[in-house]
Amino acid sequence: MSHRKLDDILFICLDHNGGEIDFLELHFGQSSEPGYREAIEQVAPQLSETYQARRAGLITESLSRQSVTALRKSYSEAPILSTENPAGLTRAEWRVCVLVSRGLSPQSIGAELEIGPATVRTHLKHIYSKTALDTFHMLARRLVSVEEREALFGKPGQARA
């Protein structure tokens, strides 16, 4: 506790079934008011009851929705092929995007990269989810935009580092 600069840690058991224990861990960085332990002990049974009555997967579902919404917002405006790689594309997905930006069809991309149609579809599916786009045509239109060209090659007449 001292290396984390904690004065106290308090555990509240939320659920214990089948040998697994779900608990709430509270960390205190400084001494708390007198009687804080007693106050927490009074609300602990209600916390446990509320936790046990929850709908399974609710928190994960909520976090997933928030993450997807935030990702869609941030990636919808950033260039896909910028050097910062805002969509988090893998090297293979990046190559597929470059070939799409050159006007190649999915079949031609497979031939160029010497990969099968299923692999091309898998890469495209991952690219769609990472870029918040839904179809090959939307991806192609986005990749041939002026903004994408400038992100990849710089503005016309601009020196590149």
N, C-alpha and C. Protein backbone atom coordinates (compact mmCIF):
# COMPACT_ATOMS: atom_id res chain seq x y z
N MET A 1 0.81 -1.19 0.00
CA MET A 1 0.00 0.00 0.00
C MET A 1 0.86 1.26 0.00
N SER A 2 2.01 1.19 0.65
CA SER A 2 2.82 2.40 0.76
C SER A 2 3.39 2.82 -0.60
N HIS A 3 3.77 1.85 -1.44
CA HIS A 3 4.32 2.22 -2.75
C HIS A 3 3.26 2.84 -3.65
N ARG A 4 1.96 2.56 -3.39
CA ARG A 4 0.87 3.18 -4.15
C ARG A 4 0.33 4.41 -3.44
N LYS A 5 0.94 4.77 -2.32
CA LYS A 5 0.53 5.92 -1.52
C LYS A 5 -0.93 5.83 -1.09
N LEU A 6 -1.29 4.66 -0.58
CA LEU A 6 -2.65 4.45 -0.10
C LEU A 6 -2.64 4.36 1.42
N ASP A 7 -3.62 5.00 2.01
CA ASP A 7 -3.76 4.94 3.45
C ASP A 7 -4.60 3.75 3.88
N ASP A 8 -5.58 3.39 3.03
CA ASP A 8 -6.48 2.29 3.40
C ASP A 8 -7.11 1.71 2.13
N ILE A 9 -7.45 0.43 2.17
CA ILE A 9 -8.19 -0.25 1.11
C ILE A 9 -9.35 -0.97 1.78
N LEU A 10 -10.52 -0.85 1.19
CA LEU A 10 -11.70 -1.49 1.74
C LEU A 10 -12.35 -2.35 0.66
N PHE A 11 -12.68 -3.58 0.98
CA PHE A 11 -13.33 -4.50 0.05
C PHE A 11 -14.77 -4.72 0.48
N ILE A 12 -15.69 -4.65 -0.48
CA ILE A 12 -17.10 -4.93 -0.21
C ILE A 12 -17.49 -6.11 -1.09
N CYS A 13 -17.91 -7.20 -0.47
CA CYS A 13 -18.34 -8.38 -1.21
C CYS A 13 -19.69 -8.09 -1.85
N LEU A 14 -19.76 -8.22 -3.18
CA LEU A 14 -21.01 -7.98 -3.90
C LEU A 14 -21.75 -9.27 -4.18
N ASP A 15 -21.02 -10.34 -4.46
CA ASP A 15 -21.64 -11.61 -4.80
C ASP A 15 -20.61 -12.72 -4.59
N HIS A 16 -21.04 -13.85 -4.11
CA HIS A 16 -20.14 -14.99 -3.95
C HIS A 16 -20.92 -16.27 -4.23
N ASN A 17 -20.74 -16.78 -5.42
CA ASN A 17 -21.38 -18.05 -5.75
C ASN A 17 -20.44 -18.88 -6.60
N GLY A 18 -20.46 -20.15 -6.39
CA GLY A 18 -19.64 -21.06 -7.18
C GLY A 18 -18.15 -20.88 -6.98
N GLY A 19 -17.74 -20.39 -5.83
CA GLY A 19 -16.31 -20.24 -5.57
C GLY A 19 -15.73 -18.94 -6.10
N GLU A 20 -16.50 -18.17 -6.85
CA GLU A 20 -16.03 -16.88 -7.35
C GLU A 20 -16.62 -15.77 -6.50
N ILE A 21 -15.82 -14.74 -6.29
CA ILE A 21 -16.28 -13.61 -5.49
C ILE A 21 -16.16 -12.35 -6.34
N ASP A 22 -17.27 -11.62 -6.44
CA ASP A 22 -17.26 -10.31 -7.07
C ASP A 22 -17.23 -9.29 -5.93
N PHE A 23 -16.30 -8.34 -6.03
CA PHE A 23 -16.19 -7.38 -4.93
C PHE A 23 -15.91 -5.99 -5.47
N LEU A 24 -16.20 -5.03 -4.64
CA LEU A 24 -15.90 -3.63 -4.92
C LEU A 24 -14.71 -3.26 -4.06
N GLU A 25 -13.70 -2.71 -4.69
CA GLU A 25 -12.48 -2.36 -3.97
C GLU A 25 -12.37 -0.83 -3.92
N LEU A 26 -12.32 -0.29 -2.71
CA LEU A 26 -12.23 1.15 -2.52
C LEU A 26 -10.83 1.49 -2.02
N HIS A 27 -10.18 2.46 -2.67
CA HIS A 27 -8.84 2.88 -2.29
C HIS A 27 -8.92 4.28 -1.69
N PHE A 28 -8.26 4.46 -0.58
CA PHE A 28 -8.25 5.76 0.09
C PHE A 28 -6.81 6.26 0.16
N GLY A 29 -6.58 7.43 -0.39
CA GLY A 29 -5.24 8.02 -0.42
C GLY A 29 -4.91 8.81 0.82
N GLN A 30 -5.90 9.10 1.62
CA GLN A 30 -5.64 9.83 2.85
C GLN A 30 -6.61 9.34 3.93
N SER A 31 -6.29 9.65 5.14
CA SER A 31 -7.16 9.22 6.24
C SER A 31 -8.54 9.81 6.05
N SER A 32 -9.54 8.99 6.25
CA SER A 32 -10.92 9.43 6.07
C SER A 32 -11.50 9.90 7.39
N GLU A 33 -12.68 10.47 7.26
CA GLU A 33 -13.41 10.96 8.43
C GLU A 33 -13.67 9.80 9.40
N PRO A 34 -13.77 10.11 10.66
CA PRO A 34 -14.13 9.05 11.63
C PRO A 34 -15.53 8.52 11.30
N GLY A 35 -15.69 7.23 11.38
CA GLY A 35 -16.99 6.61 11.13
C GLY A 35 -17.25 6.24 9.67
N TYR A 36 -16.26 6.46 8.77
CA TYR A 36 -16.50 6.13 7.35
C TYR A 36 -16.68 4.64 7.15
N ARG A 37 -15.95 3.85 7.91
CA ARG A 37 -16.08 2.39 7.76
C ARG A 37 -17.49 1.94 8.14
N GLU A 38 -18.00 2.47 9.21
CA GLU A 38 -19.33 2.11 9.66
C GLU A 38 -20.38 2.52 8.62
N ALA A 39 -20.20 3.70 8.03
CA ALA A 39 -21.14 4.17 7.00
C ALA A 39 -21.11 3.26 5.79
N ILE A 40 -19.93 2.85 5.37
CA ILE A 40 -19.81 1.95 4.23
C ILE A 40 -20.41 0.59 4.55
N GLU A 41 -20.19 0.12 5.76
CA GLU A 41 -20.76 -1.17 6.17
C GLU A 41 -22.29 -1.13 6.18
N GLN A 42 -22.87 0.03 6.41
CA GLN A 42 -24.33 0.16 6.40
C GLN A 42 -24.89 0.08 4.98
N VAL A 43 -24.16 0.63 3.98
CA VAL A 43 -24.67 0.60 2.61
C VAL A 43 -24.24 -0.65 1.85
N ALA A 44 -23.27 -1.40 2.38
CA ALA A 44 -22.76 -2.59 1.69
C ALA A 44 -23.84 -3.61 1.36
N PRO A 45 -24.76 -3.93 2.28
CA PRO A 45 -25.80 -4.91 1.93
C PRO A 45 -26.68 -4.45 0.75
N GLN A 46 -27.00 -3.16 0.70
CA GLN A 46 -27.80 -2.64 -0.42
C GLN A 46 -27.01 -2.71 -1.72
N LEU A 47 -25.73 -2.39 -1.68
CA LEU A 47 -24.88 -2.51 -2.87
C LEU A 47 -24.85 -3.95 -3.37
N SER A 48 -24.69 -4.88 -2.46
CA SER A 48 -24.65 -6.29 -2.82
C SER A 48 -25.98 -6.73 -3.43
N GLU A 49 -27.08 -6.34 -2.82
CA GLU A 49 -28.40 -6.71 -3.32
C GLU A 49 -28.64 -6.13 -4.72
N THR A 50 -28.29 -4.88 -4.91
CA THR A 50 -28.45 -4.23 -6.21
C THR A 50 -27.59 -4.92 -7.26
N TYR A 51 -26.36 -5.25 -6.89
CA TYR A 51 -25.46 -5.92 -7.83
C TYR A 51 -26.01 -7.29 -8.24
N GLN A 52 -26.51 -8.05 -7.29
CA GLN A 52 -27.03 -9.39 -7.57
C GLN A 52 -28.29 -9.34 -8.43
N ALA A 53 -29.04 -8.24 -8.36
CA ALA A 53 -30.28 -8.12 -9.13
C ALA A 53 -30.05 -7.52 -10.51
N ARG A 54 -28.81 -7.22 -10.83
CA ARG A 54 -28.53 -6.58 -12.12
C ARG A 54 -28.80 -7.54 -13.27
N ARG A 55 -29.01 -6.98 -14.45
CA ARG A 55 -29.13 -7.80 -15.65
C ARG A 55 -27.72 -8.10 -16.15
N ALA A 56 -27.39 -9.35 -16.31
CA ALA A 56 -26.05 -9.76 -16.74
C ALA A 56 -25.72 -9.14 -18.09
N GLY A 57 -24.53 -8.60 -18.23
CA GLY A 57 -24.07 -8.03 -19.49
C GLY A 57 -24.45 -6.58 -19.69
N LEU A 58 -25.17 -5.98 -18.77
CA LEU A 58 -25.64 -4.61 -18.93
C LEU A 58 -24.48 -3.62 -19.01
N ILE A 59 -23.50 -3.77 -18.14
CA ILE A 59 -22.37 -2.84 -18.13
C ILE A 59 -21.54 -3.01 -19.40
N THR A 60 -21.26 -4.23 -19.78
CA THR A 60 -20.49 -4.48 -21.00
C THR A 60 -21.22 -3.92 -22.22
N GLU A 61 -22.52 -4.14 -22.27
CA GLU A 61 -23.32 -3.64 -23.38
C GLU A 61 -23.26 -2.12 -23.46
N SER A 62 -23.37 -1.46 -22.33
CA SER A 62 -23.33 -0.01 -22.28
C SER A 62 -21.97 0.52 -22.70
N LEU A 63 -20.91 -0.07 -22.18
CA LEU A 63 -19.56 0.35 -22.55
C LEU A 63 -19.31 0.12 -24.04
N SER A 64 -19.79 -0.98 -24.56
CA SER A 64 -19.62 -1.30 -25.97
C SER A 64 -20.30 -0.25 -26.84
N ARG A 65 -21.53 0.12 -26.48
CA ARG A 65 -22.26 1.15 -27.24
C ARG A 65 -21.52 2.47 -27.22
N GLN A 66 -21.02 2.86 -26.03
CA GLN A 66 -20.31 4.12 -25.90
C GLN A 66 -19.02 4.10 -26.71
N SER A 67 -18.30 2.99 -26.67
CA SER A 67 -17.05 2.87 -27.41
C SER A 67 -17.28 2.98 -28.91
N VAL A 68 -18.28 2.27 -29.41
CA VAL A 68 -18.56 2.29 -30.85
C VAL A 68 -18.96 3.69 -31.28
N THR A 69 -19.80 4.37 -30.48
CA THR A 69 -20.23 5.72 -30.82
C THR A 69 -19.04 6.66 -30.85
N ALA A 70 -18.17 6.57 -29.84
CA ALA A 70 -16.99 7.44 -29.79
C ALA A 70 -16.05 7.14 -30.95
N LEU A 71 -15.86 5.87 -31.26
CA LEU A 71 -14.99 5.50 -32.37
C LEU A 71 -15.54 6.02 -33.70
N ARG A 72 -16.83 5.83 -33.92
CA ARG A 72 -17.45 6.29 -35.16
C ARG A 72 -17.27 7.79 -35.32
N LYS A 73 -17.45 8.54 -34.22
CA LYS A 73 -17.31 9.99 -34.29
C LYS A 73 -15.89 10.39 -34.63
N SER A 74 -14.90 9.80 -33.95
CA SER A 74 -13.51 10.21 -34.15
C SER A 74 -12.96 9.76 -35.50
N TYR A 75 -13.38 8.59 -36.00
CA TYR A 75 -12.82 8.11 -37.25
C TYR A 75 -13.55 8.63 -38.48
N SER A 76 -14.76 9.12 -38.29
CA SER A 76 -15.52 9.55 -39.45
C SER A 76 -14.91 10.79 -40.09
N GLU A 77 -14.11 11.56 -39.34
CA GLU A 77 -13.54 12.78 -39.88
C GLU A 77 -12.05 12.64 -40.18
N ALA A 78 -11.34 11.80 -39.48
CA ALA A 78 -9.90 11.67 -39.66
C ALA A 78 -9.60 10.89 -40.94
N PRO A 79 -8.56 11.30 -41.66
CA PRO A 79 -8.17 10.53 -42.85
C PRO A 79 -7.76 9.11 -42.47
N ILE A 80 -8.22 8.15 -43.24
CA ILE A 80 -7.95 6.75 -42.93
C ILE A 80 -6.48 6.41 -43.09
N LEU A 81 -5.85 6.94 -44.13
CA LEU A 81 -4.46 6.59 -44.42
C LEU A 81 -3.46 7.64 -43.95
N SER A 82 -3.79 8.42 -42.93
CA SER A 82 -2.81 9.38 -42.42
C SER A 82 -1.71 8.62 -41.68
N THR A 83 -0.61 9.28 -41.47
CA THR A 83 0.53 8.62 -40.82
C THR A 83 0.24 8.29 -39.35
N GLU A 84 -0.76 8.95 -38.75
CA GLU A 84 -1.11 8.65 -37.37
C GLU A 84 -1.92 7.36 -37.25
N ASN A 85 -2.45 6.86 -38.37
CA ASN A 85 -3.25 5.63 -38.41
C ASN A 85 -4.38 5.67 -37.37
N PRO A 86 -5.27 6.68 -37.48
CA PRO A 86 -6.30 6.85 -36.45
C PRO A 86 -7.27 5.67 -36.35
N ALA A 87 -7.46 4.92 -37.41
CA ALA A 87 -8.39 3.78 -37.36
C ALA A 87 -7.72 2.54 -36.79
N GLY A 88 -6.42 2.57 -36.58
CA GLY A 88 -5.73 1.41 -36.03
C GLY A 88 -5.65 0.25 -36.99
N LEU A 89 -5.43 0.55 -38.27
CA LEU A 89 -5.36 -0.51 -39.28
C LEU A 89 -4.09 -1.34 -39.12
N THR A 90 -4.20 -2.62 -39.40
CA THR A 90 -3.01 -3.47 -39.44
C THR A 90 -2.28 -3.21 -40.75
N ARG A 91 -1.09 -3.75 -40.87
CA ARG A 91 -0.32 -3.57 -42.11
C ARG A 91 -1.08 -4.13 -43.32
N ALA A 92 -1.70 -5.27 -43.17
CA ALA A 92 -2.46 -5.88 -44.27
C ALA A 92 -3.67 -5.03 -44.64
N GLU A 93 -4.37 -4.52 -43.63
CA GLU A 93 -5.54 -3.67 -43.89
C GLU A 93 -5.11 -2.37 -44.57
N TRP A 94 -3.97 -1.84 -44.15
CA TRP A 94 -3.43 -0.62 -44.76
C TRP A 94 -3.17 -0.86 -46.25
N ARG A 95 -2.53 -1.99 -46.57
CA ARG A 95 -2.24 -2.33 -47.97
C ARG A 95 -3.52 -2.43 -48.78
N VAL A 96 -4.53 -3.05 -48.22
CA VAL A 96 -5.82 -3.17 -48.91
C VAL A 96 -6.38 -1.78 -49.18
N CYS A 97 -6.32 -0.88 -48.19
CA CYS A 97 -6.82 0.48 -48.38
C CYS A 97 -6.06 1.22 -49.46
N VAL A 98 -4.75 1.06 -49.50
CA VAL A 98 -3.95 1.72 -50.55
C VAL A 98 -4.38 1.22 -51.92
N LEU A 99 -4.61 -0.08 -52.04
CA LEU A 99 -5.04 -0.62 -53.34
C LEU A 99 -6.46 -0.16 -53.70
N VAL A 100 -7.32 -0.04 -52.71
CA VAL A 100 -8.67 0.49 -52.97
C VAL A 100 -8.55 1.93 -53.44
N SER A 101 -7.65 2.70 -52.82
CA SER A 101 -7.48 4.11 -53.22
C SER A 101 -6.95 4.24 -54.64
N ARG A 102 -6.30 3.20 -55.14
CA ARG A 102 -5.81 3.19 -56.52
C ARG A 102 -6.85 2.69 -57.51
N GLY A 103 -8.05 2.34 -57.00
CA GLY A 103 -9.15 1.95 -57.87
C GLY A 103 -9.28 0.46 -58.12
N LEU A 104 -8.57 -0.37 -57.37
CA LEU A 104 -8.66 -1.81 -57.60
C LEU A 104 -9.93 -2.38 -56.98
N SER A 105 -10.48 -3.39 -57.63
CA SER A 105 -11.66 -4.11 -57.12
C SER A 105 -11.19 -5.13 -56.08
N PRO A 106 -12.11 -5.69 -55.29
CA PRO A 106 -11.71 -6.72 -54.33
C PRO A 106 -11.01 -7.91 -55.01
N GLN A 107 -11.47 -8.30 -56.19
CA GLN A 107 -10.82 -9.41 -56.90
C GLN A 107 -9.39 -9.04 -57.30
N SER A 108 -9.19 -7.81 -57.79
CA SER A 108 -7.86 -7.37 -58.18
C SER A 108 -6.94 -7.22 -56.97
N ILE A 109 -7.51 -6.82 -55.84
CA ILE A 109 -6.71 -6.70 -54.61
C ILE A 109 -6.20 -8.08 -54.20
N GLY A 110 -7.07 -9.08 -54.28
CA GLY A 110 -6.66 -10.44 -53.96
C GLY A 110 -5.54 -10.92 -54.85
N ALA A 111 -5.66 -10.64 -56.15
CA ALA A 111 -4.62 -11.05 -57.10
C ALA A 111 -3.30 -10.31 -56.83
N GLU A 112 -3.40 -9.01 -56.56
CA GLU A 112 -2.21 -8.19 -56.31
C GLU A 112 -1.47 -8.65 -55.05
N LEU A 113 -2.21 -8.95 -54.00
CA LEU A 113 -1.60 -9.36 -52.74
C LEU A 113 -1.40 -10.87 -52.62
N GLU A 114 -1.85 -11.59 -53.63
CA GLU A 114 -1.77 -13.05 -53.66
C GLU A 114 -2.45 -13.67 -52.44
N ILE A 115 -3.69 -13.22 -52.20
CA ILE A 115 -4.51 -13.76 -51.12
C ILE A 115 -5.87 -14.14 -51.69
N GLY A 116 -6.57 -15.02 -51.02
CA GLY A 116 -7.86 -15.48 -51.49
C GLY A 116 -8.99 -14.49 -51.24
N PRO A 117 -10.12 -14.71 -51.92
CA PRO A 117 -11.28 -13.82 -51.76
C PRO A 117 -11.78 -13.74 -50.32
N ALA A 118 -11.73 -14.85 -49.59
CA ALA A 118 -12.19 -14.84 -48.20
C ALA A 118 -11.30 -13.94 -47.33
N THR A 119 -10.01 -13.96 -47.60
CA THR A 119 -9.08 -13.11 -46.84
C THR A 119 -9.32 -11.64 -47.16
N VAL A 120 -9.57 -11.33 -48.42
CA VAL A 120 -9.87 -9.95 -48.81
C VAL A 120 -11.15 -9.50 -48.09
N ARG A 121 -12.17 -10.37 -48.09
CA ARG A 121 -13.43 -10.02 -47.41
C ARG A 121 -13.20 -9.78 -45.93
N THR A 122 -12.37 -10.61 -45.31
CA THR A 122 -12.08 -10.45 -43.88
C THR A 122 -11.38 -9.12 -43.62
N HIS A 123 -10.38 -8.79 -44.43
CA HIS A 123 -9.69 -7.50 -44.27
C HIS A 123 -10.67 -6.35 -44.45
N LEU A 124 -11.52 -6.44 -45.46
CA LEU A 124 -12.50 -5.37 -45.70
C LEU A 124 -13.48 -5.24 -44.55
N LYS A 125 -13.92 -6.38 -44.02
CA LYS A 125 -14.85 -6.35 -42.89
C LYS A 125 -14.22 -5.64 -41.70
N HIS A 126 -12.95 -5.92 -41.42
CA HIS A 126 -12.24 -5.26 -40.32
C HIS A 126 -12.07 -3.77 -40.60
N ILE A 127 -11.76 -3.44 -41.83
CA ILE A 127 -11.60 -2.03 -42.20
C ILE A 127 -12.92 -1.28 -42.02
N TYR A 128 -14.02 -1.89 -42.45
CA TYR A 128 -15.34 -1.24 -42.30
C TYR A 128 -15.62 -0.96 -40.83
N SER A 129 -15.36 -1.93 -39.97
CA SER A 129 -15.67 -1.73 -38.55
C SER A 129 -14.76 -0.68 -37.93
N LYS A 130 -13.51 -0.60 -38.36
CA LYS A 130 -12.57 0.36 -37.79
C LYS A 130 -12.79 1.77 -38.31
N THR A 131 -13.39 1.90 -39.49
CA THR A 131 -13.56 3.22 -40.10
C THR A 131 -15.00 3.71 -40.06
N ALA A 132 -15.89 2.91 -39.51
CA ALA A 132 -17.32 3.27 -39.43
C ALA A 132 -17.94 3.41 -40.81
N LEU A 133 -17.44 2.67 -41.76
CA LEU A 133 -18.02 2.64 -43.11
C LEU A 133 -18.71 1.30 -43.30
N ASP A 134 -19.67 1.26 -44.23
CA ASP A 134 -20.48 0.06 -44.35
C ASP A 134 -20.26 -0.76 -45.62
N THR A 135 -19.77 -0.12 -46.68
CA THR A 135 -19.65 -0.83 -47.96
C THR A 135 -18.33 -0.52 -48.64
N PHE A 136 -18.03 -1.34 -49.63
CA PHE A 136 -16.81 -1.14 -50.42
C PHE A 136 -16.86 0.21 -51.14
N HIS A 137 -18.03 0.56 -51.66
CA HIS A 137 -18.16 1.82 -52.40
C HIS A 137 -17.94 3.03 -51.49
N MET A 138 -18.45 2.95 -50.26
CA MET A 138 -18.23 4.06 -49.31
C MET A 138 -16.74 4.18 -48.99
N LEU A 139 -16.08 3.05 -48.80
CA LEU A 139 -14.65 3.05 -48.51
C LEU A 139 -13.87 3.61 -49.69
N ALA A 140 -14.20 3.16 -50.89
CA ALA A 140 -13.48 3.63 -52.08
C ALA A 140 -13.67 5.14 -52.26
N ARG A 141 -14.91 5.61 -52.11
CA ARG A 141 -15.17 7.04 -52.27
C ARG A 141 -14.38 7.84 -51.24
N ARG A 142 -14.34 7.33 -50.02
CA ARG A 142 -13.60 8.04 -48.97
C ARG A 142 -12.10 8.05 -49.25
N LEU A 143 -11.57 6.94 -49.75
CA LEU A 143 -10.13 6.83 -49.97
C LEU A 143 -9.64 7.63 -51.17
N VAL A 144 -10.50 7.96 -52.08
CA VAL A 144 -10.07 8.77 -53.23
C VAL A 144 -10.36 10.25 -53.02
N SER A 145 -10.83 10.61 -51.83
CA SER A 145 -11.13 12.02 -51.55
C SER A 145 -9.85 12.84 -51.49
N VAL A 146 -10.01 14.12 -51.65
CA VAL A 146 -8.88 15.06 -51.60
C VAL A 146 -8.20 14.99 -50.24
N GLU A 147 -9.00 14.90 -49.18
CA GLU A 147 -8.43 14.86 -47.82
C GLU A 147 -7.52 13.64 -47.64
N GLU A 148 -7.95 12.49 -48.17
CA GLU A 148 -7.14 11.28 -48.06
C GLU A 148 -5.84 11.43 -48.85
N ARG A 149 -5.95 11.97 -50.03
CA ARG A 149 -4.74 12.17 -50.86
C ARG A 149 -3.75 13.08 -50.15
N GLU A 150 -4.26 14.16 -49.54
CA GLU A 150 -3.38 15.08 -48.83
C GLU A 150 -2.77 14.42 -47.60
N ALA A 151 -3.53 13.59 -46.92
CA ALA A 151 -3.00 12.89 -45.74
C ALA A 151 -1.89 11.92 -46.13
N LEU A 152 -2.06 11.28 -47.27
CA LEU A 152 -1.10 10.26 -47.71
C LEU A 152 0.10 10.87 -48.43
N PHE A 153 -0.15 11.85 -49.30
CA PHE A 153 0.93 12.39 -50.14
C PHE A 153 1.30 13.84 -49.82
N GLY A 154 0.59 14.50 -48.90
CA GLY A 154 0.82 15.91 -48.62
C GLY A 154 0.06 16.77 -49.60
N LYS A 155 -0.05 18.04 -49.30
CA LYS A 155 -0.75 18.96 -50.19
C LYS A 155 0.10 19.19 -51.43
N PRO A 156 -0.53 19.43 -52.58
CA PRO A 156 0.24 19.71 -53.80
C PRO A 156 1.18 20.89 -53.57
N GLY A 157 2.43 20.72 -53.96
CA GLY A 157 3.43 21.79 -53.82
C GLY A 157 4.04 21.87 -52.42
N GLN A 158 3.61 21.00 -51.52
CA GLN A 158 4.12 21.00 -50.16
C GLN A 158 5.24 19.96 -50.03
N ALA A 159 6.37 20.38 -49.45
CA ALA A 159 7.49 19.44 -49.25
C ALA A 159 7.12 18.45 -48.16
N ARG A 160 7.52 17.21 -48.34
CA ARG A 160 7.25 16.17 -47.32
C ARG A 160 8.55 15.84 -46.61
N ALA A 161 8.43 15.52 -45.34
CA ALA A 161 9.60 15.18 -44.54
C ALA A 161 10.00 13.75 -44.77
